[in-house]
Amino acid sequence: AWAAMHAIRWDSVEATGDSSEYVESYLCPMLRSSVGGMAQDLVPGCHRFFWDKLVSHVAQMWIRELLKCRRITPAGAQQLLLDTHAVKAVFLEALSGLLKSQRRASEALADTEEPSHDDGSTHRGPFYETVHREMKRAEGILLLILSPEMGRTFVPTFVELLSPPTLADFLKLLELKGVRRGDAQHLIDELTAILATTAP
């Protein structure tokens, strides 16, 4: 899936549409299969830990693979945003099924005399927050590519989105935007200073 993503000429995209072929044919089916299968094998107490780690891992991988692409024009970034939303939708879909399975297992274990009318909505909050928070990082990188301005918030936003942020990734982001290094030296210096103060 990642190789197919990298092979696309994102600087040649002229119009957006549905999610890209690599997402529909490879990435989303793979996520549906793996997430559903792994989640069913977990004991209930491990679901939250598993979910947080999985979503965080995929979101960070998504960002890393984005940064391996060639130049991305605004239209290409818009298409990648649609692809990101498709991946997020798979997680939300899998989460809904996971919560329903948890509810059925709890009802069977409790052997209740009356059926529960709880649809799991009271337990969805933390899980859904994880999905939206982590995938928002990937969306944020694309919004930085889309942004025509590189003002005071550009570098701090980059630092917040990547974990951990590196100068190499920042230079790659500039490359994706089509910005020459010499035209962004003040931003590079700003990031270098931030990284120096946060180094262990």
Protein backbone atom coordinates (compact mmCIF):
# COMPACT_ATOMS: atom_id res chain seq x y z
CA ALA A 1 0.00 0.00 0.00
CA TRP A 2 2.77 2.44 0.89
CA ALA A 3 4.66 1.72 -2.34
CA ALA A 4 1.51 2.47 -4.30
CA MET A 5 1.08 5.69 -2.36
CA HIS A 6 4.65 6.80 -3.08
CA ALA A 7 4.30 5.97 -6.79
CA ILE A 8 1.49 8.49 -7.28
CA ARG A 9 2.53 11.82 -8.79
CA TRP A 10 0.86 14.04 -6.21
CA ASP A 11 2.13 17.12 -8.02
CA SER A 12 0.09 16.11 -11.09
CA VAL A 13 -3.27 15.75 -9.35
CA GLU A 14 -5.69 18.25 -10.86
CA ALA A 15 -8.96 17.40 -9.13
CA THR A 16 -10.06 15.44 -6.07
CA GLY A 17 -12.58 12.64 -5.99
CA ASP A 18 -13.21 9.58 -3.87
CA SER A 19 -10.40 8.03 -1.86
CA SER A 20 -7.45 6.82 -3.92
CA GLU A 21 -7.08 3.30 -5.32
CA TYR A 22 -4.28 2.35 -2.90
CA VAL A 23 -6.56 3.22 0.01
CA GLU A 24 -9.68 1.43 -1.25
CA SER A 25 -7.94 -1.66 -2.62
CA TYR A 26 -5.07 -2.17 -0.20
CA LEU A 27 -4.88 -0.07 2.94
CA CYS A 28 -8.49 -0.03 4.15
CA PRO A 29 -9.14 -3.76 3.56
CA MET A 30 -5.88 -4.58 5.36
CA LEU A 31 -6.85 -2.40 8.34
CA ARG A 32 -10.37 -3.84 8.52
CA SER A 33 -9.03 -7.37 8.56
CA SER A 34 -6.21 -6.83 11.03
CA VAL A 35 -8.05 -4.52 13.44
CA GLY A 36 -11.14 -6.71 13.62
CA GLY A 37 -9.15 -9.91 14.02
CA MET A 38 -6.81 -8.63 16.73
CA ALA A 39 -9.56 -6.89 18.68
CA GLN A 40 -11.67 -10.04 18.91
CA ASP A 41 -8.79 -11.93 20.54
CA LEU A 42 -8.30 -9.42 23.35
CA VAL A 43 -9.67 -9.71 26.85
CA PRO A 44 -11.99 -6.76 27.62
CA GLY A 45 -9.56 -5.03 29.98
CA CYS A 46 -6.94 -4.72 27.22
CA HIS A 47 -9.13 -3.05 24.61
CA ARG A 48 -8.33 0.55 25.55
CA PHE A 49 -4.56 -0.03 25.67
CA PHE A 50 -4.63 -1.91 22.35
CA TRP A 51 -6.75 0.74 20.66
CA ASP A 52 -4.66 3.70 21.79
CA LYS A 53 -1.40 2.04 20.73
CA LEU A 54 -2.74 0.87 17.38
CA VAL A 55 -4.29 4.17 16.32
CA SER A 56 -1.23 6.13 17.43
CA HIS A 57 1.06 3.77 15.53
CA VAL A 58 -0.95 3.94 12.30
CA ALA A 59 -1.26 7.74 12.50
CA GLN A 60 2.49 8.18 12.96
CA MET A 61 3.20 5.69 10.18
CA TRP A 62 0.79 7.57 7.92
CA ILE A 63 2.71 10.80 8.58
CA ARG A 64 6.08 9.15 7.97
CA GLU A 65 4.89 7.69 4.69
CA LEU A 66 3.43 11.05 3.65
CA LEU A 67 6.84 12.59 4.14
CA LYS A 68 8.36 10.01 1.79
CA CYS A 69 6.23 11.17 -1.12
CA ARG A 70 7.45 13.49 -3.82
CA ARG A 71 6.23 17.06 -4.10
CA ILE A 72 2.57 17.51 -3.18
CA THR A 73 0.55 20.30 -4.76
CA PRO A 74 -2.57 21.74 -3.06
CA ALA A 75 -4.81 19.48 -5.14
CA GLY A 76 -2.68 16.48 -4.17
CA ALA A 77 -2.87 17.45 -0.50
CA GLN A 78 -6.66 17.73 -0.77
CA GLN A 79 -6.81 14.21 -2.20
CA LEU A 80 -4.55 12.92 0.57
CA LEU A 81 -6.89 14.53 3.10
CA LEU A 82 -9.73 12.50 1.61
CA ASP A 83 -7.56 9.40 1.88
CA THR A 84 -6.82 10.24 5.52
CA HIS A 85 -10.53 10.59 6.23
CA ALA A 86 -11.11 7.18 4.64
CA VAL A 87 -8.56 5.59 6.98
CA LYS A 88 -10.15 7.34 9.96
CA ALA A 89 -13.55 6.02 8.88
CA VAL A 90 -12.20 2.46 8.95
CA PHE A 91 -11.08 2.94 12.54
CA LEU A 92 -14.45 4.38 13.57
CA GLU A 93 -16.24 1.52 11.82
CA ALA A 94 -14.04 -1.06 13.56
CA LEU A 95 -14.53 0.72 16.87
CA SER A 96 -18.30 0.55 16.54
CA GLY A 97 -18.12 -3.20 15.98
CA LEU A 98 -15.69 -3.63 18.87
CA LEU A 99 -17.96 -1.82 21.30
CA LYS A 100 -20.97 -3.85 20.21
CA SER A 101 -19.00 -7.07 20.78
CA GLN A 102 -17.95 -5.84 24.23
CA ARG A 103 -21.56 -5.08 25.12
CA ARG A 104 -22.79 -8.50 24.01
CA ALA A 105 -20.00 -10.23 25.95
CA SER A 106 -20.80 -8.22 29.09
CA GLU A 107 -24.51 -9.04 28.82
CA ALA A 108 -23.78 -12.74 28.36
CA LEU A 109 -21.42 -12.76 31.32
CA ALA A 110 -23.88 -10.96 33.54
CA ASP A 111 -26.70 -13.24 32.36
CA THR A 112 -29.19 -10.41 32.74
CA GLU A 113 -32.85 -11.23 32.83
CA GLU A 114 -33.80 -8.13 30.87
CA PRO A 115 -31.99 -7.09 27.66
CA SER A 116 -29.78 -4.04 27.96
CA HIS A 117 -30.70 -1.02 25.88
CA ASP A 118 -27.26 0.54 26.23
CA ASP A 119 -25.83 0.96 22.72
CA GLY A 120 -22.35 1.57 24.07
CA SER A 121 -22.50 5.33 23.57
CA THR A 122 -21.47 5.99 27.18
CA HIS A 123 -18.19 4.17 26.57
CA ARG A 124 -17.38 5.55 23.12
CA GLY A 125 -15.98 8.91 24.19
CA PRO A 126 -12.38 8.00 25.08
CA PHE A 127 -12.05 5.61 22.13
CA TYR A 128 -13.41 8.09 19.60
CA GLU A 129 -11.26 10.85 21.05
CA THR A 130 -8.17 8.73 20.43
CA VAL A 131 -9.06 8.25 16.76
CA HIS A 132 -9.81 11.91 16.15
CA ARG A 133 -6.79 13.16 18.10
CA GLU A 134 -4.26 10.89 16.42
CA MET A 135 -5.57 11.16 12.87
CA LYS A 136 -5.76 14.92 13.30
CA ARG A 137 -1.96 14.88 13.36
CA ALA A 138 -1.86 13.47 9.83
CA GLU A 139 -4.49 15.95 8.71
CA GLY A 140 -2.41 18.72 10.28
CA ILE A 141 0.66 17.84 8.20
CA LEU A 142 -1.42 18.05 5.04
CA LEU A 143 -2.87 21.37 6.15
CA LEU A 144 0.68 22.67 6.58
CA ILE A 145 1.38 21.63 3.00
CA LEU A 146 -1.82 23.35 1.88
CA SER A 147 -1.08 26.55 3.78
CA PRO A 148 0.32 29.31 1.54
CA GLU A 149 1.66 31.11 4.60
CA MET A 150 4.54 30.06 6.83
CA GLY A 151 4.11 32.47 9.70
CA ARG A 152 4.73 32.33 13.43
CA THR A 153 2.67 29.19 14.04
CA PHE A 154 4.20 27.09 11.25
CA VAL A 155 7.16 25.64 13.16
CA PRO A 156 5.33 25.20 16.52
CA THR A 157 2.53 23.38 14.72
CA PHE A 158 5.04 21.05 13.05
CA VAL A 159 6.68 20.32 16.41
CA GLU A 160 3.30 19.53 17.96
CA LEU A 161 2.23 17.21 15.15
CA LEU A 162 5.30 15.00 14.89
CA SER A 163 6.53 12.71 17.62
CA PRO A 164 9.41 13.25 17.75
CA PRO A 165 9.98 16.19 15.39
CA THR A 166 13.26 16.16 13.44
CA LEU A 167 15.04 18.61 11.19
CA ALA A 168 15.14 16.01 8.42
CA ASP A 169 11.34 15.68 8.47
CA PHE A 170 10.97 19.45 8.46
CA LEU A 171 13.23 19.77 5.42
CA LYS A 172 11.18 17.06 3.72
CA LEU A 173 8.01 18.99 4.49
CA LEU A 174 9.49 22.08 2.84
CA GLU A 175 10.42 19.93 -0.14
CA LEU A 176 6.85 18.62 -0.40
CA LYS A 177 5.61 22.21 -0.40
CA GLY A 178 8.07 23.15 -3.12
CA VAL A 179 9.84 25.64 -0.84
CA ARG A 180 13.57 26.09 -1.36
CA ARG A 181 15.72 25.72 1.72
CA GLY A 182 17.25 29.16 1.25
CA ASP A 183 13.80 30.75 1.33
CA ALA A 184 12.97 29.15 4.67
CA GLN A 185 16.25 29.49 6.54
CA HIS A 186 14.61 31.53 9.30
CA LEU A 187 12.17 28.66 9.92
CA ILE A 188 14.97 26.11 9.92
CA ASP A 189 16.86 28.22 12.47
CA GLU A 190 13.72 28.46 14.62
CA LEU A 191 13.22 24.70 14.59
CA THR A 192 16.89 24.05 15.30
CA ALA A 193 16.67 26.29 18.37
CA ILE A 194 13.54 24.47 19.61
CA LEU A 195 15.12 21.05 19.11
CA ALA A 196 18.24 22.17 21.00
CA THR A 197 16.18 23.15 24.03
CA THR A 198 14.18 19.91 24.06
CA ALA A 199 17.07 17.50 23.44
CA PRO A 200 17.59 14.97 26.29
